Amino acid sequence: MEAALTRFGGRVLVVLSGADLTAQEFADLSNRFGSWQRLMAAPRITRQKIDKADHTFSRRPWQDQVSGWTRDWLRSW
């Protein structure tokens, strides 16, 4: 995944949920290794997190937040 993200030169929006083992594993990985830290710190990467959300952002407020972030991110192009 790191190699593919490095090769892809475009902008990326990463939205993580806090109550989600998969998201936590990704966050741990991206914080553990210097190459991941540099990649995730790149200006082309935008990272957002909803602390209490589950993997599918199943509650309406979480969905609205993700939609808002996505809208704003797309408009920023």
Protein backbone atom coordinates (compact mmCIF):
# COMPACT_ATOMS: atom_id res chain seq x y z
CA MET A 1 0.00 0.00 0.00
CA GLU A 2 2.84 2.38 0.81
CA ALA A 3 4.49 1.78 -2.57
CA ALA A 4 1.24 2.34 -4.45
CA LEU A 5 0.47 5.51 -2.52
CA THR A 6 3.99 6.77 -3.17
CA ARG A 7 3.71 6.08 -6.91
CA PHE A 8 0.30 7.74 -7.11
CA GLY A 9 1.18 11.41 -7.23
CA GLY A 10 -2.33 12.75 -6.75
CA ARG A 11 -4.13 14.18 -3.79
CA VAL A 12 -5.53 11.79 -1.19
CA LEU A 13 -8.16 12.17 1.52
CA VAL A 14 -7.83 9.66 4.37
CA VAL A 15 -10.75 9.48 6.80
CA LEU A 16 -10.29 7.27 9.84
CA SER A 17 -12.77 6.13 12.44
CA GLY A 18 -11.65 5.93 16.05
CA ALA A 19 -13.71 2.91 17.14
CA ASP A 20 -12.37 0.66 14.40
CA LEU A 21 -9.57 -1.88 14.61
CA THR A 22 -8.73 -1.59 10.90
CA ALA A 23 -8.37 2.19 11.11
CA GLN A 24 -6.30 1.85 14.27
CA GLU A 25 -3.96 -0.62 12.58
CA PHE A 26 -3.50 1.81 9.69
CA ALA A 27 -2.88 4.72 12.07
CA ASP A 28 -0.36 2.68 14.07
CA LEU A 29 1.46 1.63 10.92
CA SER A 30 1.58 5.14 9.50
CA ASN A 31 2.92 6.49 12.81
CA ARG A 32 5.47 3.74 13.40
CA PHE A 33 7.69 3.93 10.32
CA GLY A 34 9.56 6.98 9.08
CA SER A 35 8.70 6.34 5.44
CA TRP A 36 4.98 6.25 6.30
CA GLN A 37 5.31 9.33 8.51
CA ARG A 38 6.90 11.29 5.67
CA LEU A 39 4.30 10.08 3.20
CA MET A 40 1.35 10.95 5.44
CA ALA A 41 2.88 14.38 6.21
CA ALA A 42 3.04 15.28 2.51
CA PRO A 43 0.92 18.30 1.55
CA ARG A 44 -1.04 16.18 -0.93
CA ILE A 45 -2.35 13.95 1.88
CA THR A 46 -5.28 15.18 3.96
CA ARG A 47 -6.10 13.12 7.03
CA GLN A 48 -9.25 13.38 9.13
CA LYS A 49 -10.56 11.32 12.04
CA ILE A 50 -13.82 10.90 13.89
CA ASP A 51 -12.83 9.52 17.27
CA LYS A 52 -16.02 7.66 18.23
CA ALA A 53 -17.10 6.50 14.77
CA ASP A 54 -17.24 2.87 13.72
CA HIS A 55 -15.78 1.46 10.50
CA THR A 56 -18.84 2.31 8.38
CA PHE A 57 -19.60 5.70 9.97
CA SER A 58 -23.03 4.25 10.69
CA ARG A 59 -24.50 7.23 12.54
CA ARG A 60 -25.92 10.19 10.67
CA PRO A 61 -23.67 12.82 12.30
CA TRP A 62 -20.60 10.81 11.33
CA GLN A 63 -21.85 10.43 7.76
CA ASP A 64 -22.56 14.15 7.58
CA GLN A 65 -19.06 14.94 8.84
CA VAL A 66 -17.41 12.65 6.29
CA SER A 67 -19.58 14.11 3.53
CA GLY A 68 -18.63 17.63 4.58
CA TRP A 69 -14.93 16.84 4.68
CA THR A 70 -15.15 15.17 1.27
CA ARG A 71 -17.06 18.12 -0.22
CA ASP A 72 -14.58 20.63 1.19
CA TRP A 73 -11.62 18.54 0.05
CA LEU A 74 -12.97 18.29 -3.50
CA ARG A 75 -13.71 22.02 -3.61
CA SER A 76 -10.15 22.77 -2.51
CA TRP A 77 -8.82 21.52 -5.84
